[in-house]
Amino acid sequence: MKNLNPLRSLLLVVWLLFISQVESFAQPAYSTIKHEAFQSQQSTLVQFAAALSGTTAVGDWSIQINGVPVPGAVVSLATGLAAGRVRVDFNLAGQVGHTGAEPYLKPGEVLTVTFSNPATLKNGAGTTNAISFVAQTSLNAWPGDCSDIGFFQQGNIPLATPKFCSPVVQDFYQYQYYLSLRVRNSSLYGVVGSSFNNLFIWGDGTAQENFPSYQSDNNGGADATFIAGTALGGNPAVIMTNRRVHNYPATLPGTGGDCSWNASVTPALNFALFTQCSGALSVQTVFASWDTDNKNTGTLNMPPSVVGSDKVCLN
């Protein structure tokens, strides 16, 4: 093994000492600001490029919505200084464009963050101050996962007439799921080709269908602004409704489909990644398919045992 030249060894030691001194006196700057990790959409995480030490207070931070300052909106902080992190929590209830029950960031709003360091937040060595910044944009590019979905309800479309006589045209039923507001606020939502989907297996042998849902109100009416404030485990969500139409085949006695069709529906996320969320989030529906009595002549006299029950289809 060759011995290092003494001069080269000395230069290497000096260089390493210089680098360590530079690092100990470097001023940490923020590297990213993101609110995509929070289903509440009331927090954003500021990540600095190096470890931090010291302290920071609520008064050091402020936010802006669409470029307009929102005084007093920052309500608390949570720090992980060793990892260079500061979580900024805010409350937008009662601010412009928000009712008193809407503390969260809403779709279309741009969140920016300002930090004014009074020389209390330091680098990890405690030798220099973290760098202040003004109106830096918080980002959300969350593609979603199954924790961002909750089942709301399934049932007849308001004012629609259910159909029972074979061949059944299923155009009277809807499926509704909650989708977290953080997915709705993501920059991936609305990108061409992105969607919240329902996967339909109709139970009649036809191929599975993958059909997009639309944002709605509680009743299924299209509504791009409706938000269910605490619907998803206490966090805000939008409602995604699907009214896919399906034409069932005519049913004949003895074919195995003369009483009903058993359909299943599974939600899926299609925002940069396709994620199917089966299991507890899948739902089943039994669609009645009553056969018709069109044989021979005469008058049917079939009084129901319970009024309104024991129905038959006549043609």
Protein backbone atom coordinates (compact mmCIF):
# COMPACT_ATOMS: atom_id res chain seq x y z
CA MET A 1 0.00 0.00 0.00
CA LYS A 2 1.37 3.38 -0.98
CA ASN A 3 1.86 6.07 1.64
CA LEU A 4 0.14 9.36 0.97
CA ASN A 5 2.30 12.30 0.20
CA PRO A 6 2.55 14.35 3.47
CA LEU A 7 1.68 17.54 1.66
CA ARG A 8 -1.37 15.97 0.05
CA SER A 9 -2.49 14.58 3.40
CA LEU A 10 -2.22 18.02 4.95
CA LEU A 11 -4.21 19.60 2.13
CA LEU A 12 -6.94 16.96 2.52
CA VAL A 13 -7.23 17.63 6.24
CA VAL A 14 -7.42 21.38 5.65
CA TRP A 15 -10.08 20.89 2.99
CA LEU A 16 -12.23 18.71 5.25
CA LEU A 17 -11.93 21.23 8.07
CA PHE A 18 -12.93 24.00 5.70
CA ILE A 19 -15.99 22.08 4.50
CA SER A 20 -17.10 21.33 8.07
CA GLN A 21 -16.73 25.00 9.00
CA VAL A 22 -18.73 26.08 5.95
CA GLU A 23 -21.49 23.64 6.84
CA SER A 24 -21.58 24.75 10.46
CA PHE A 25 -22.07 28.37 9.38
CA ALA A 26 -24.39 27.72 6.43
CA GLN A 27 -27.80 29.38 6.59
CA PRO A 28 -30.57 26.81 6.04
CA ALA A 29 -33.13 27.78 3.40
CA TYR A 30 -36.48 26.14 2.76
CA SER A 31 -36.49 23.49 0.05
CA THR A 32 -40.18 22.57 -0.28
CA ILE A 33 -43.57 23.65 1.04
CA LYS A 34 -46.39 21.13 0.65
CA HIS A 35 -49.92 20.68 2.00
CA GLU A 36 -50.55 17.34 0.28
CA ALA A 37 -49.90 15.21 3.38
CA PHE A 38 -52.88 16.57 5.32
CA GLN A 39 -56.46 15.42 4.78
CA SER A 40 -57.65 18.34 6.91
CA GLN A 41 -56.25 20.80 4.33
CA GLN A 42 -55.49 23.10 7.27
CA SER A 43 -51.74 22.51 7.43
CA THR A 44 -48.69 22.80 5.25
CA LEU A 45 -45.21 21.37 5.82
CA VAL A 46 -42.18 23.57 5.33
CA GLN A 47 -39.06 21.49 4.72
CA PHE A 48 -35.70 23.20 5.13
CA ALA A 49 -32.59 21.95 3.36
CA ALA A 50 -30.75 21.19 6.61
CA ALA A 51 -31.34 20.43 10.27
CA LEU A 52 -32.60 23.25 12.48
CA SER A 53 -32.29 24.27 16.10
CA GLY A 54 -33.58 27.04 18.31
CA THR A 55 -37.22 28.13 18.35
CA THR A 56 -39.92 29.60 16.14
CA ALA A 57 -43.29 31.09 17.07
CA VAL A 58 -46.69 31.52 15.44
CA GLY A 59 -45.99 35.22 14.96
CA ASP A 60 -43.03 34.41 12.71
CA TRP A 61 -45.33 32.88 10.10
CA SER A 62 -48.16 34.15 7.92
CA ILE A 63 -50.12 32.92 4.93
CA GLN A 64 -51.72 34.40 1.87
CA ILE A 65 -54.64 33.07 -0.18
CA ASN A 66 -54.51 33.96 -3.87
CA GLY A 67 -51.92 36.58 -2.99
CA VAL A 68 -54.06 38.27 -0.32
CA PRO A 69 -52.69 38.24 3.26
CA VAL A 70 -54.88 36.50 5.82
CA PRO A 71 -53.90 38.05 9.18
CA GLY A 72 -54.22 35.78 12.19
CA ALA A 73 -54.89 32.66 10.12
CA VAL A 74 -51.83 30.80 11.42
CA VAL A 75 -52.95 29.20 14.69
CA SER A 76 -50.22 26.72 15.66
CA LEU A 77 -46.91 25.14 14.73
CA ALA A 78 -45.41 21.69 15.08
CA THR A 79 -41.69 21.29 14.64
CA GLY A 80 -39.30 18.50 13.81
CA LEU A 81 -36.21 20.65 13.91
CA ALA A 82 -33.69 17.81 13.72
CA ALA A 83 -35.27 16.87 10.39
CA GLY A 84 -35.52 20.50 9.29
CA ARG A 85 -39.33 20.60 9.38
CA VAL A 86 -41.96 23.09 10.52
CA ARG A 87 -45.67 22.33 10.15
CA VAL A 88 -47.79 25.47 9.86
CA ASP A 89 -51.45 25.04 10.90
CA PHE A 90 -54.06 27.57 9.77
CA ASN A 91 -57.77 28.27 10.11
CA LEU A 92 -59.65 30.02 7.28
CA ALA A 93 -63.12 29.97 8.86
CA GLY A 94 -64.90 33.27 8.25
CA GLN A 95 -62.26 34.56 5.83
CA VAL A 96 -63.16 35.87 2.39
CA GLY A 97 -64.86 33.09 0.44
CA HIS A 98 -65.27 30.94 3.54
CA THR A 99 -68.18 30.51 5.91
CA GLY A 100 -67.58 30.04 9.60
CA ALA A 101 -67.75 26.28 9.03
CA GLU A 102 -65.06 26.25 6.31
CA PRO A 103 -61.62 26.40 7.97
CA TYR A 104 -59.92 24.47 5.18
CA LEU A 105 -58.23 25.39 1.91
CA LYS A 106 -60.80 25.22 -0.89
CA PRO A 107 -60.44 24.15 -4.54
CA GLY A 108 -58.92 26.85 -6.72
CA GLU A 109 -57.23 28.66 -3.84
CA VAL A 110 -53.46 29.19 -3.99
CA LEU A 111 -51.72 29.04 -0.61
CA THR A 112 -48.48 30.95 -0.08
CA VAL A 113 -46.37 31.13 3.07
CA THR A 114 -44.18 33.87 4.52
CA PHE A 115 -41.54 33.37 7.23
CA SER A 116 -39.89 36.24 9.10
CA ASN A 117 -37.11 34.91 11.31
CA PRO A 118 -36.38 37.07 14.38
CA ALA A 119 -33.01 35.31 14.68
CA THR A 120 -34.41 32.51 16.85
CA LEU A 121 -34.57 29.67 14.32
CA LYS A 122 -31.02 28.50 13.64
CA ASN A 123 -29.12 25.93 11.70
CA GLY A 124 -28.39 22.61 13.42
CA ALA A 125 -25.18 23.91 14.96
CA GLY A 126 -26.94 27.00 16.28
CA THR A 127 -24.42 29.29 14.58
CA THR A 128 -26.46 30.97 11.84
CA ASN A 129 -30.07 31.99 11.26
CA ALA A 130 -32.50 30.15 9.03
CA ILE A 131 -33.29 32.25 5.96
CA SER A 132 -36.57 34.16 5.91
CA PHE A 133 -38.78 34.05 2.81
CA VAL A 134 -41.83 35.82 1.41
CA ALA A 135 -44.97 34.41 -0.25
CA GLN A 136 -43.64 31.05 -1.38
CA THR A 137 -46.23 28.72 -2.91
CA SER A 138 -47.36 25.59 -1.09
CA LEU A 139 -47.78 22.63 -3.44
CA ASN A 140 -50.13 19.64 -3.58
CA ALA A 141 -49.62 16.94 -6.20
CA TRP A 142 -51.19 14.10 -4.23
CA PRO A 143 -52.38 11.20 -6.45
CA GLY A 144 -54.58 9.75 -3.70
CA ASP A 145 -54.83 6.36 -2.04
CA CYS A 146 -57.70 4.32 -0.63
CA SER A 147 -57.65 6.29 2.64
CA ASP A 148 -58.92 9.23 0.56
CA ILE A 149 -62.21 7.43 -0.20
CA GLY A 150 -65.28 6.73 1.91
CA PHE A 151 -68.61 5.20 0.95
CA PHE A 152 -71.52 7.66 1.22
CA GLN A 153 -74.66 6.02 -0.13
CA GLN A 154 -76.38 4.20 -2.98
CA GLY A 155 -80.02 4.46 -3.96
CA ASN A 156 -82.63 5.67 -6.41
CA ILE A 157 -82.02 8.94 -8.21
CA PRO A 158 -84.41 11.57 -6.85
CA LEU A 159 -87.62 11.72 -8.97
CA ALA A 160 -86.48 8.78 -11.13
CA THR A 161 -88.87 5.88 -11.64
CA PRO A 162 -87.41 2.48 -10.74
CA LYS A 163 -87.87 -0.22 -13.38
CA PHE A 164 -88.57 -3.84 -12.52
CA CYS A 165 -90.06 -5.45 -15.63
CA SER A 166 -87.76 -7.41 -17.90
CA PRO A 167 -85.81 -6.28 -19.85
CA VAL A 168 -84.72 -3.81 -17.16
CA VAL A 169 -83.06 -0.55 -18.17
CA GLN A 170 -80.98 0.55 -15.18
CA ASP A 171 -81.19 4.33 -15.50
CA PHE A 172 -82.70 5.12 -12.10
CA TYR A 173 -79.93 4.32 -9.59
CA GLN A 174 -76.84 6.16 -8.37
CA TYR A 175 -73.67 5.44 -6.37
CA GLN A 176 -72.00 8.10 -4.21
CA TYR A 177 -68.58 8.14 -2.58
CA TYR A 178 -66.64 10.68 -0.54
CA LEU A 179 -63.32 11.83 -2.00
CA SER A 180 -60.93 13.70 0.28
CA LEU A 181 -60.51 17.42 -0.22
CA ARG A 182 -56.75 16.97 -0.46
CA VAL A 183 -57.27 14.95 -3.67
CA ARG A 184 -59.75 17.54 -4.94
CA ASN A 185 -57.19 20.26 -4.18
CA SER A 186 -54.38 18.34 -5.87
CA SER A 187 -52.86 19.74 -9.05
CA LEU A 188 -53.54 16.29 -10.57
CA TYR A 189 -57.31 16.71 -10.24
CA GLY A 190 -58.75 18.00 -13.49
CA VAL A 191 -55.75 16.98 -15.56
CA VAL A 192 -56.95 15.51 -18.85
CA GLY A 193 -57.37 11.77 -18.40
CA SER A 194 -57.57 11.94 -14.60
CA SER A 195 -60.77 10.96 -12.82
CA PHE A 196 -62.47 9.26 -9.91
CA ASN A 197 -64.00 6.11 -11.35
CA ASN A 198 -66.44 3.35 -10.49
CA LEU A 199 -65.80 -0.17 -11.76
CA PHE A 200 -69.10 -1.88 -12.61
CA ILE A 201 -69.70 -5.61 -12.80
CA TRP A 202 -73.35 -5.86 -13.77
CA GLY A 203 -73.80 -9.57 -13.16
CA ASP A 204 -75.16 -10.41 -16.60
CA GLY A 205 -71.95 -11.61 -18.20
CA THR A 206 -71.02 -8.32 -19.84
CA ALA A 207 -67.48 -7.01 -19.46
CA GLN A 208 -66.51 -4.88 -16.48
CA GLU A 209 -66.99 -1.15 -17.10
CA ASN A 210 -64.69 1.59 -15.83
CA PHE A 211 -66.73 4.79 -15.75
CA PRO A 212 -65.85 8.25 -14.31
CA SER A 213 -67.93 9.95 -11.61
CA TYR A 214 -68.74 13.64 -11.26
CA GLN A 215 -68.67 16.03 -8.32
CA SER A 216 -72.12 16.58 -6.82
CA ASP A 217 -74.23 17.57 -3.85
CA ASN A 218 -75.82 15.13 -1.39
CA ASN A 219 -78.63 14.30 -3.82
CA GLY A 220 -76.40 13.65 -6.80
CA GLY A 221 -76.99 16.94 -8.60
CA ALA A 222 -73.83 18.20 -10.32
CA ASP A 223 -72.14 20.74 -8.02
CA ALA A 224 -68.47 21.71 -8.30
CA THR A 225 -68.50 23.73 -5.05
CA PHE A 226 -70.26 21.48 -2.53
CA ILE A 227 -67.99 20.24 0.30
CA ALA A 228 -69.00 17.89 3.11
CA GLY A 229 -67.00 19.48 5.92
CA THR A 230 -66.35 16.54 8.24
CA ALA A 231 -67.50 13.57 6.17
CA LEU A 232 -64.26 11.61 5.87
CA GLY A 233 -63.21 10.70 9.39
CA GLY A 234 -63.79 14.28 10.52
CA ASN A 235 -62.00 15.73 7.50
CA PRO A 236 -63.54 17.55 4.52
CA ALA A 237 -64.48 15.73 1.34
CA VAL A 238 -66.35 16.22 -1.90
CA ILE A 239 -69.08 13.86 -3.10
CA MET A 240 -68.53 11.90 -6.31
CA THR A 241 -71.66 10.51 -7.95
CA ASN A 242 -72.07 7.93 -10.70
CA ARG A 243 -75.31 7.33 -12.63
CA ARG A 244 -74.08 4.82 -15.17
CA VAL A 245 -76.89 3.46 -17.37
CA HIS A 246 -77.00 -0.24 -18.18
CA ASN A 247 -79.38 -2.22 -20.38
CA TYR A 248 -79.99 -5.65 -18.92
CA PRO A 249 -80.99 -8.47 -21.27
CA ALA A 250 -84.48 -9.93 -21.29
CA THR A 251 -84.87 -12.63 -18.69
CA LEU A 252 -86.57 -15.94 -19.29
CA PRO A 253 -87.67 -18.52 -16.73
CA GLY A 254 -85.03 -21.13 -16.10
CA THR A 255 -82.09 -19.02 -17.31
CA GLY A 256 -80.93 -18.15 -13.80
CA GLY A 257 -81.64 -14.46 -14.29
CA ASP A 258 -85.40 -14.41 -14.18
CA CYS A 259 -85.68 -12.79 -10.73
CA SER A 260 -82.81 -10.35 -10.34
CA TRP A 261 -79.37 -9.23 -11.44
CA ASN A 262 -76.59 -8.89 -8.85
CA ALA A 263 -74.31 -5.94 -9.58
CA SER A 264 -71.12 -4.86 -7.78
CA VAL A 265 -69.40 -1.47 -7.81
CA THR A 266 -65.82 -0.66 -6.75
CA PRO A 267 -64.25 2.83 -6.55
CA ALA A 268 -60.93 3.59 -8.21
CA LEU A 269 -58.55 6.55 -8.28
CA ASN A 270 -57.07 7.55 -11.61
CA PHE A 271 -54.84 10.54 -10.78
CA ALA A 272 -51.37 9.78 -12.23
CA LEU A 273 -51.69 6.30 -10.65
CA PHE A 274 -54.59 3.88 -11.09
CA THR A 275 -55.61 2.52 -7.69
CA GLN A 276 -58.55 0.18 -7.27
CA CYS A 277 -60.07 0.23 -3.77
CA SER A 278 -61.96 -3.01 -3.26
CA GLY A 279 -62.90 -4.76 -0.04
CA ALA A 280 -65.00 -2.68 2.34
CA LEU A 281 -65.40 0.10 -0.23
CA SER A 282 -67.05 -2.18 -2.81
CA VAL A 283 -70.85 -2.31 -2.72
CA GLN A 284 -73.43 -4.73 -4.10
CA THR A 285 -76.88 -4.08 -5.52
CA VAL A 286 -79.68 -6.47 -6.46
CA PHE A 287 -81.75 -5.20 -9.39
CA ALA A 288 -85.15 -6.89 -9.64
CA SER A 289 -86.05 -8.22 -13.06
CA TRP A 290 -89.61 -9.52 -13.08
CA ASP A 291 -90.76 -11.62 -15.99
CA THR A 292 -93.99 -10.84 -17.83
CA ASP A 293 -97.10 -13.03 -17.99
CA ASN A 294 -98.21 -13.10 -21.58
CA LYS A 295 -99.41 -16.67 -21.95
CA ASN A 296 -102.94 -17.80 -22.83
CA THR A 297 -105.99 -15.62 -22.24
CA GLY A 298 -108.15 -14.67 -19.30
CA THR A 299 -108.01 -12.32 -16.39
CA LEU A 300 -105.41 -12.54 -13.66
CA ASN A 301 -106.81 -12.26 -10.17
CA MET A 302 -103.89 -12.16 -7.77
CA PRO A 303 -104.75 -10.14 -4.68
CA PRO A 304 -101.59 -9.42 -2.69
CA SER A 305 -101.20 -10.81 0.79
CA VAL A 306 -99.84 -7.38 1.74
CA VAL A 307 -101.06 -4.30 -0.14
CA GLY A 308 -98.37 -3.06 -2.50
CA SER A 309 -96.44 -6.34 -2.52
CA ASP A 310 -96.42 -9.47 -4.67
CA LYS A 311 -96.31 -7.41 -7.86
CA VAL A 312 -96.26 -8.85 -11.36
CA CYS A 313 -95.56 -7.33 -14.76
CA LEU A 314 -98.29 -7.44 -17.38
CA ASN A 315 -98.08 -6.87 -21.13
